[in-house]
Amino acid sequence: MKLQHLPLGARFEYEGLVYVKTGPLTASSEAGGQRIIPRHAVLRSLEVPVTEGKGRLEGAVVRKAFNVFFETCDRLVGEAGQAELEQARQRFLKAIE
């Protein structure tokens, strides 16, 4: 399986390590740190299919992917943007309830 076939937040194994997809070409290692995953890389998905019914994503999958995204944003936003980032997080979580 290729990285492009996995949704954001999906867990996979590559070169003996477990990663979570965080972007089109990037992943975070469960051991810490980010890495660019080459397009030609063959991965082993650790996920079960995430769709049900008419292609709707499960709420738990959306929250998991969002939390991975939010953790990255939280590290990148300076102190001045923390309050606004948290407000945006709360609006998003309320919208998907």
C-alpha atoms as a PDB file:
ATOM      1  CA  MET A   1       0.000   0.000   0.000  1.00  0.00           C
ATOM      2  CA  LYS A   2       1.190   3.531  -0.735  1.00  0.00           C
ATOM      3  CA  LEU A   3       0.923   6.562   1.567  1.00  0.00           C
ATOM      4  CA  GLN A   4      -1.429   8.314  -0.881  1.00  0.00           C
ATOM      5  CA  HIS A   5      -3.995   5.534  -0.332  1.00  0.00           C
ATOM      6  CA  LEU A   6      -4.203   6.146   3.431  1.00  0.00           C
ATOM      7  CA  PRO A   7      -6.392   8.818   5.048  1.00  0.00           C
ATOM      8  CA  LEU A   8      -4.917  11.380   7.444  1.00  0.00           C
ATOM      9  CA  GLY A   9      -4.527   9.896  10.902  1.00  0.00           C
ATOM     10  CA  ALA A  10      -4.103   6.344   9.596  1.00  0.00           C
ATOM     11  CA  ARG A  11      -1.512   4.176  11.314  1.00  0.00           C
ATOM     12  CA  PHE A  12       0.957   2.197   9.220  1.00  0.00           C
ATOM     13  CA  GLU A  13       4.275   0.393   9.452  1.00  0.00           C
ATOM     14  CA  TYR A  14       7.285   1.429   7.400  1.00  0.00           C
ATOM     15  CA  GLU A  15      10.813   0.094   7.795  1.00  0.00           C
ATOM     16  CA  GLY A  16       9.876  -1.581  11.075  1.00  0.00           C
ATOM     17  CA  LEU A  17       8.448   1.541  12.747  1.00  0.00           C
ATOM     18  CA  VAL A  18       4.831   2.576  13.346  1.00  0.00           C
ATOM     19  CA  TYR A  19       3.754   5.948  11.952  1.00  0.00           C
ATOM     20  CA  VAL A  20       0.611   8.081  11.752  1.00  0.00           C
ATOM     21  CA  LYS A  21      -0.059   9.908   8.478  1.00  0.00           C
ATOM     22  CA  THR A  22      -0.023  13.677   9.069  1.00  0.00           C
ATOM     23  CA  GLY A  23       0.100  15.023   5.511  1.00  0.00           C
ATOM     24  CA  PRO A  24       0.317  14.033   1.838  1.00  0.00           C
ATOM     25  CA  LEU A  25       3.964  12.979   2.224  1.00  0.00           C
ATOM     26  CA  THR A  26       4.569  13.183   5.972  1.00  0.00           C
ATOM     27  CA  ALA A  27       4.067  10.994   9.000  1.00  0.00           C
ATOM     28  CA  SER A  28       4.786  11.130  12.718  1.00  0.00           C
ATOM     29  CA  SER A  29       6.531   8.229  14.358  1.00  0.00           C
ATOM     30  CA  GLU A  30       4.984   6.827  17.516  1.00  0.00           C
ATOM     31  CA  ALA A  31       8.528   6.997  18.892  1.00  0.00           C
ATOM     32  CA  GLY A  32       8.584  10.741  18.166  1.00  0.00           C
ATOM     33  CA  GLY A  33       9.559  12.935  15.253  1.00  0.00           C
ATOM     34  CA  GLN A  34       8.271  13.532  11.744  1.00  0.00           C
ATOM     35  CA  ARG A  35       9.442  12.001   8.499  1.00  0.00           C
ATOM     36  CA  ILE A  36       8.821  12.399   4.786  1.00  0.00           C
ATOM     37  CA  ILE A  37       7.647   9.106   3.334  1.00  0.00           C
ATOM     38  CA  PRO A  38       8.735   8.584  -0.304  1.00  0.00           C
ATOM     39  CA  ARG A  39       5.956   8.092  -2.860  1.00  0.00           C
ATOM     40  CA  HIS A  40       7.480   4.769  -3.902  1.00  0.00           C
ATOM     41  CA  ALA A  41       7.487   3.403  -0.337  1.00  0.00           C
ATOM     42  CA  VAL A  42       5.428   0.273   0.261  1.00  0.00           C
ATOM     43  CA  LEU A  43       3.622   0.449   3.606  1.00  0.00           C
ATOM     44  CA  ARG A  44       1.689  -1.980   5.763  1.00  0.00           C
ATOM     45  CA  SER A  45      -1.564  -0.445   6.947  1.00  0.00           C
ATOM     46  CA  LEU A  46      -2.462  -1.017  10.596  1.00  0.00           C
ATOM     47  CA  GLU A  47      -6.001   0.290  10.097  1.00  0.00           C
ATOM     48  CA  VAL A  48      -9.289  -1.432   9.520  1.00  0.00           C
ATOM     49  CA  PRO A  49     -11.500   0.128   6.842  1.00  0.00           C
ATOM     50  CA  VAL A  50     -12.678   3.526   8.114  1.00  0.00           C
ATOM     51  CA  THR A  51     -15.863   3.974   6.120  1.00  0.00           C
ATOM     52  CA  GLU A  52     -19.316   2.695   6.791  1.00  0.00           C
ATOM     53  CA  GLY A  53     -22.620   3.020   5.000  1.00  0.00           C
ATOM     54  CA  LYS A  54     -22.393   5.557   2.179  1.00  0.00           C
ATOM     55  CA  GLY A  55     -18.721   6.389   2.643  1.00  0.00           C
ATOM     56  CA  ARG A  56     -19.149   8.386   5.838  1.00  0.00           C
ATOM     57  CA  LEU A  57     -16.174   8.510   8.155  1.00  0.00           C
ATOM     58  CA  GLU A  58     -16.577   7.289  11.699  1.00  0.00           C
ATOM     59  CA  GLY A  59     -16.477  10.074  14.275  1.00  0.00           C
ATOM     60  CA  ALA A  60     -13.634   8.400  16.172  1.00  0.00           C
ATOM     61  CA  VAL A  61     -11.501   8.348  13.018  1.00  0.00           C
ATOM     62  CA  VAL A  62     -12.162  12.029  12.345  1.00  0.00           C
ATOM     63  CA  ARG A  63     -11.319  12.973  15.942  1.00  0.00           C
ATOM     64  CA  LYS A  64      -8.114  10.913  15.843  1.00  0.00           C
ATOM     65  CA  ALA A  65      -6.956  12.530  12.589  1.00  0.00           C
ATOM     66  CA  PHE A  66      -7.864  15.977  13.890  1.00  0.00           C
ATOM     67  CA  ASN A  67      -5.949  15.399  17.142  1.00  0.00           C
ATOM     68  CA  VAL A  68      -2.816  14.480  15.173  1.00  0.00           C
ATOM     69  CA  PHE A  69      -3.258  17.638  13.085  1.00  0.00           C
ATOM     70  CA  PHE A  70      -3.947  19.788  16.155  1.00  0.00           C
ATOM     71  CA  GLU A  71      -0.837  18.531  17.973  1.00  0.00           C
ATOM     72  CA  THR A  72       1.277  19.659  15.024  1.00  0.00           C
ATOM     73  CA  CYS A  73      -0.449  23.063  14.913  1.00  0.00           C
ATOM     74  CA  ASP A  74      -0.040  23.453  18.665  1.00  0.00           C
ATOM     75  CA  ARG A  75       3.726  22.960  18.366  1.00  0.00           C
ATOM     76  CA  LEU A  76       3.973  25.451  15.486  1.00  0.00           C
ATOM     77  CA  VAL A  77       1.787  28.278  16.841  1.00  0.00           C
ATOM     78  CA  GLY A  78       3.492  30.726  19.149  1.00  0.00           C
ATOM     79  CA  GLU A  79       2.179  31.831  22.523  1.00  0.00           C
ATOM     80  CA  ALA A  80       0.245  34.694  20.936  1.00  0.00           C
ATOM     81  CA  GLY A  81      -1.829  32.293  18.847  1.00  0.00           C
ATOM     82  CA  GLN A  82      -2.591  29.654  21.491  1.00  0.00           C
ATOM     83  CA  ALA A  83      -5.945  31.101  22.603  1.00  0.00           C
ATOM     84  CA  GLU A  84      -7.206  31.512  19.045  1.00  0.00           C
ATOM     85  CA  LEU A  85      -6.035  28.006  18.136  1.00  0.00           C
ATOM     86  CA  GLU A  86      -7.890  26.538  21.127  1.00  0.00           C
ATOM     87  CA  GLN A  87     -11.064  28.418  20.141  1.00  0.00           C
ATOM     88  CA  ALA A  88     -10.797  27.020  16.615  1.00  0.00           C
ATOM     89  CA  ARG A  89     -10.335  23.529  18.082  1.00  0.00           C
ATOM     90  CA  GLN A  90     -13.456  23.878  20.205  1.00  0.00           C
ATOM     91  CA  ARG A  91     -15.503  25.126  17.206  1.00  0.00           C
ATOM     92  CA  PHE A  92     -14.347  22.163  15.127  1.00  0.00           C
ATOM     93  CA  LEU A  93     -15.143  19.592  17.812  1.00  0.00           C
ATOM     94  CA  LYS A  94     -18.581  21.132  18.361  1.00  0.00           C
ATOM     95  CA  ALA A  95     -19.268  21.065  14.594  1.00  0.00           C
ATOM     96  CA  ILE A  96     -18.621  17.327  14.318  1.00  0.00           C
ATOM     97  CA  GLU A  97     -20.729  16.299  17.330  1.00  0.00           C
END
